[in-house]
Amino acid sequence: MLKELNLVIDYIEDHLIDELSLEEISEFAGVSDYHFRKIFFYLSGMTLSEYIKHRRLSEANKDLLHGGKVTDVAFKYGYQSVDGFTRAFKKWSGFLPSDVIKKGISKSFPKLSFVITVKGGNTMEFRIEEKTSV
């Protein structure tokens, strides 16, 4: 299951600048849209749409750092207007896209990776005590 989830993340990464629908992603995953969104939210703590938005804005930030023009970057990542991109970018990062260009400030949202962490397996000594109520 983890391998498949990470393949879906790779698919999203490969299509960040494309029109990417949730139905397309769940079709790639081989499950219903509803189930994939539920699984994704349960494992990541965010909606699939939020994840895609954060990843696009993070990649847009990189493009701006590397000299991209705000207008070009906005349209590259699917925004219909520079104003819409600027509002979304400011809400996400706390600063304007022009600040990235002028001041070199930056924010990043790394690609998700699903892994299993196994904890426990340690012997513990314990005792049960009864306490009087106060």
C-alpha atoms as a PDB file:
ATOM      1  CA  MET A   1       0.000   0.000   0.000  1.00  0.00           C
ATOM      2  CA  LEU A   2       2.802   2.451   0.848  1.00  0.00           C
ATOM      3  CA  LYS A   3       4.507   1.803  -2.466  1.00  0.00           C
ATOM      4  CA  GLU A   4       1.285   2.675  -4.295  1.00  0.00           C
ATOM      5  CA  LEU A   5       0.771   5.850  -2.247  1.00  0.00           C
ATOM      6  CA  ASN A   6       4.312   6.982  -3.003  1.00  0.00           C
ATOM      7  CA  LEU A   7       3.720   6.262  -6.707  1.00  0.00           C
ATOM      8  CA  VAL A   8       0.653   8.514  -6.550  1.00  0.00           C
ATOM      9  CA  ILE A   9       2.758  11.259  -4.936  1.00  0.00           C
ATOM     10  CA  ASP A  10       5.284  10.856  -7.775  1.00  0.00           C
ATOM     11  CA  TYR A  11       2.419  11.108 -10.277  1.00  0.00           C
ATOM     12  CA  ILE A  12       1.249  14.350  -8.652  1.00  0.00           C
ATOM     13  CA  GLU A  13       4.803  15.723  -8.711  1.00  0.00           C
ATOM     14  CA  ASP A  14       5.122  14.890 -12.411  1.00  0.00           C
ATOM     15  CA  HIS A  15       1.894  16.785 -13.156  1.00  0.00           C
ATOM     16  CA  LEU A  16       2.087  19.837 -10.875  1.00  0.00           C
ATOM     17  CA  ILE A  17       1.970  22.263 -13.798  1.00  0.00           C
ATOM     18  CA  ASP A  18      -0.834  20.369 -15.569  1.00  0.00           C
ATOM     19  CA  GLU A  19      -4.573  20.494 -15.053  1.00  0.00           C
ATOM     20  CA  LEU A  20      -4.769  17.804 -12.395  1.00  0.00           C
ATOM     21  CA  SER A  21      -8.155  16.609 -11.213  1.00  0.00           C
ATOM     22  CA  LEU A  22      -8.801  14.605  -8.078  1.00  0.00           C
ATOM     23  CA  GLU A  23     -10.627  12.059 -10.227  1.00  0.00           C
ATOM     24  CA  GLU A  24      -7.519  11.612 -12.405  1.00  0.00           C
ATOM     25  CA  ILE A  25      -5.372  11.033  -9.352  1.00  0.00           C
ATOM     26  CA  SER A  26      -7.736   8.504  -7.791  1.00  0.00           C
ATOM     27  CA  GLU A  27      -8.027   6.742 -11.161  1.00  0.00           C
ATOM     28  CA  PHE A  28      -4.225   6.491 -11.254  1.00  0.00           C
ATOM     29  CA  ALA A  29      -4.342   5.138  -7.687  1.00  0.00           C
ATOM     30  CA  GLY A  30      -6.924   2.555  -8.736  1.00  0.00           C
ATOM     31  CA  VAL A  31      -9.506   3.453  -6.096  1.00  0.00           C
ATOM     32  CA  SER A  32     -12.585   5.617  -5.947  1.00  0.00           C
ATOM     33  CA  ASP A  33     -12.172   9.360  -5.565  1.00  0.00           C
ATOM     34  CA  TYR A  34     -13.974   9.271  -2.210  1.00  0.00           C
ATOM     35  CA  HIS A  35     -11.804   6.488  -0.760  1.00  0.00           C
ATOM     36  CA  PHE A  36      -8.555   7.971  -1.959  1.00  0.00           C
ATOM     37  CA  ARG A  37      -9.358  11.376  -0.503  1.00  0.00           C
ATOM     38  CA  LYS A  38     -10.309   9.747   2.827  1.00  0.00           C
ATOM     39  CA  ILE A  39      -7.130   7.649   2.950  1.00  0.00           C
ATOM     40  CA  PHE A  40      -4.962  10.616   1.967  1.00  0.00           C
ATOM     41  CA  PHE A  41      -6.495  12.864   4.628  1.00  0.00           C
ATOM     42  CA  TYR A  42      -6.218  10.182   7.303  1.00  0.00           C
ATOM     43  CA  LEU A  43      -2.526   9.563   6.566  1.00  0.00           C
ATOM     44  CA  SER A  44      -1.376  13.117   5.827  1.00  0.00           C
ATOM     45  CA  GLY A  45      -3.663  15.303   7.935  1.00  0.00           C
ATOM     46  CA  MET A  46      -4.510  17.507   4.953  1.00  0.00           C
ATOM     47  CA  THR A  47      -6.796  17.278   1.977  1.00  0.00           C
ATOM     48  CA  LEU A  48      -5.418  16.243  -1.389  1.00  0.00           C
ATOM     49  CA  SER A  49      -6.320  19.666  -2.794  1.00  0.00           C
ATOM     50  CA  GLU A  50      -4.393  21.403  -0.004  1.00  0.00           C
ATOM     51  CA  TYR A  51      -1.366  19.222  -0.638  1.00  0.00           C
ATOM     52  CA  ILE A  52      -1.371  20.000  -4.362  1.00  0.00           C
ATOM     53  CA  LYS A  53      -1.811  23.723  -3.688  1.00  0.00           C
ATOM     54  CA  HIS A  54       1.067  23.772  -1.187  1.00  0.00           C
ATOM     55  CA  ARG A  55       3.344  21.849  -3.541  1.00  0.00           C
ATOM     56  CA  ARG A  56       2.537  24.159  -6.459  1.00  0.00           C
ATOM     57  CA  LEU A  57       3.208  27.257  -4.383  1.00  0.00           C
ATOM     58  CA  SER A  58       6.447  25.749  -3.089  1.00  0.00           C
ATOM     59  CA  GLU A  59       7.617  25.026  -6.633  1.00  0.00           C
ATOM     60  CA  ALA A  60       6.488  28.513  -7.695  1.00  0.00           C
ATOM     61  CA  ASN A  61       8.667  29.888  -4.895  1.00  0.00           C
ATOM     62  CA  LYS A  62      11.654  28.018  -6.353  1.00  0.00           C
ATOM     63  CA  ASP A  63      10.930  29.394  -9.809  1.00  0.00           C
ATOM     64  CA  LEU A  64      10.788  32.936  -8.424  1.00  0.00           C
ATOM     65  CA  LEU A  65      14.095  32.406  -6.600  1.00  0.00           C
ATOM     66  CA  HIS A  66      15.649  31.328  -9.892  1.00  0.00           C
ATOM     67  CA  GLY A  67      14.592  34.514 -11.660  1.00  0.00           C
ATOM     68  CA  GLY A  68      11.107  33.649 -12.902  1.00  0.00           C
ATOM     69  CA  LYS A  69       8.741  36.553 -13.509  1.00  0.00           C
ATOM     70  CA  VAL A  70       5.666  36.651 -11.278  1.00  0.00           C
ATOM     71  CA  THR A  71       3.302  36.662 -14.270  1.00  0.00           C
ATOM     72  CA  ASP A  72       4.975  33.649 -15.920  1.00  0.00           C
ATOM     73  CA  VAL A  73       5.101  31.677 -12.673  1.00  0.00           C
ATOM     74  CA  ALA A  74       1.466  32.445 -11.847  1.00  0.00           C
ATOM     75  CA  PHE A  75       0.230  31.117 -15.194  1.00  0.00           C
ATOM     76  CA  LYS A  76       2.638  28.144 -15.131  1.00  0.00           C
ATOM     77  CA  TYR A  77       1.072  26.878 -11.902  1.00  0.00           C
ATOM     78  CA  GLY A  78      -2.505  27.297 -13.072  1.00  0.00           C
ATOM     79  CA  TYR A  79      -3.542  30.678 -11.720  1.00  0.00           C
ATOM     80  CA  GLN A  80      -5.865  32.675 -13.947  1.00  0.00           C
ATOM     81  CA  SER A  81      -4.524  36.029 -12.767  1.00  0.00           C
ATOM     82  CA  VAL A  82      -1.472  37.499 -11.083  1.00  0.00           C
ATOM     83  CA  ASP A  83      -3.744  38.914  -8.354  1.00  0.00           C
ATOM     84  CA  GLY A  84      -5.118  35.455  -7.550  1.00  0.00           C
ATOM     85  CA  PHE A  85      -1.613  34.007  -7.439  1.00  0.00           C
ATOM     86  CA  THR A  86      -0.343  36.866  -5.266  1.00  0.00           C
ATOM     87  CA  ARG A  87      -3.195  36.409  -2.755  1.00  0.00           C
ATOM     88  CA  ALA A  88      -2.676  32.640  -2.575  1.00  0.00           C
ATOM     89  CA  PHE A  89       1.096  32.998  -2.314  1.00  0.00           C
ATOM     90  CA  LYS A  90       0.850  35.626   0.449  1.00  0.00           C
ATOM     91  CA  LYS A  91      -1.662  33.538   2.393  1.00  0.00           C
ATOM     92  CA  TRP A  92       0.590  30.458   2.075  1.00  0.00           C
ATOM     93  CA  SER A  93       3.971  32.058   2.726  1.00  0.00           C
ATOM     94  CA  GLY A  94       3.269  35.272   4.599  1.00  0.00           C
ATOM     95  CA  PHE A  95       5.068  37.407   2.010  1.00  0.00           C
ATOM     96  CA  LEU A  96       4.564  38.620  -1.557  1.00  0.00           C
ATOM     97  CA  PRO A  97       6.003  36.863  -4.615  1.00  0.00           C
ATOM     98  CA  SER A  98       7.930  40.056  -5.377  1.00  0.00           C
ATOM     99  CA  ASP A  99       9.651  39.715  -1.977  1.00  0.00           C
ATOM    100  CA  VAL A 100      11.100  36.402  -3.120  1.00  0.00           C
ATOM    101  CA  ILE A 101      12.597  38.099  -6.161  1.00  0.00           C
ATOM    102  CA  LYS A 102      13.781  41.284  -4.402  1.00  0.00           C
ATOM    103  CA  LYS A 103      14.876  39.936  -1.009  1.00  0.00           C
ATOM    104  CA  GLY A 104      15.530  36.272  -1.733  1.00  0.00           C
ATOM    105  CA  ILE A 105      13.244  35.134   1.079  1.00  0.00           C
ATOM    106  CA  SER A 106      11.697  31.765   0.629  1.00  0.00           C
ATOM    107  CA  LYS A 107       9.353  29.118   1.976  1.00  0.00           C
ATOM    108  CA  SER A 108       9.277  25.444   1.107  1.00  0.00           C
ATOM    109  CA  PHE A 109       6.757  22.625   1.346  1.00  0.00           C
ATOM    110  CA  PRO A 110       8.574  19.344   0.618  1.00  0.00           C
ATOM    111  CA  LYS A 111       7.082  16.416  -1.254  1.00  0.00           C
ATOM    112  CA  LEU A 112       5.310  13.884   0.955  1.00  0.00           C
ATOM    113  CA  SER A 113       6.707  10.433   1.410  1.00  0.00           C
ATOM    114  CA  PHE A 114       4.803   7.665   3.144  1.00  0.00           C
ATOM    115  CA  VAL A 115       6.807   5.338   5.396  1.00  0.00           C
ATOM    116  CA  ILE A 116       6.043   2.911   8.192  1.00  0.00           C
ATOM    117  CA  THR A 117       7.601   3.457  11.583  1.00  0.00           C
ATOM    118  CA  VAL A 118       7.367   0.580  14.000  1.00  0.00           C
ATOM    119  CA  LYS A 119       7.654   1.442  17.681  1.00  0.00           C
ATOM    120  CA  GLY A 120       7.378  -0.563  20.828  1.00  0.00           C
ATOM    121  CA  GLY A 121       8.677  -4.013  21.500  1.00  0.00           C
ATOM    122  CA  ASN A 122      10.337  -2.926  24.743  1.00  0.00           C
ATOM    123  CA  THR A 123       9.747  -4.752  27.992  1.00  0.00           C
ATOM    124  CA  MET A 124       8.220  -2.555  30.656  1.00  0.00           C
ATOM    125  CA  GLU A 125       7.771  -3.117  34.354  1.00  0.00           C
ATOM    126  CA  PHE A 126       4.580  -1.701  35.853  1.00  0.00           C
ATOM    127  CA  ARG A 127       2.233  -1.927  38.829  1.00  0.00           C
ATOM    128  CA  ILE A 128      -1.346  -0.905  39.367  1.00  0.00           C
ATOM    129  CA  GLU A 129      -2.121   1.231  42.402  1.00  0.00           C
ATOM    130  CA  GLU A 130      -5.471   2.268  43.767  1.00  0.00           C
ATOM    131  CA  LYS A 131      -5.694   5.915  44.813  1.00  0.00           C
ATOM    132  CA  THR A 132      -8.301   7.461  47.027  1.00  0.00           C
ATOM    133  CA  SER A 133     -10.342  10.246  45.515  1.00  0.00           C
ATOM    134  CA  VAL A 134      -9.773  13.769  46.726  1.00  0.00           C
END
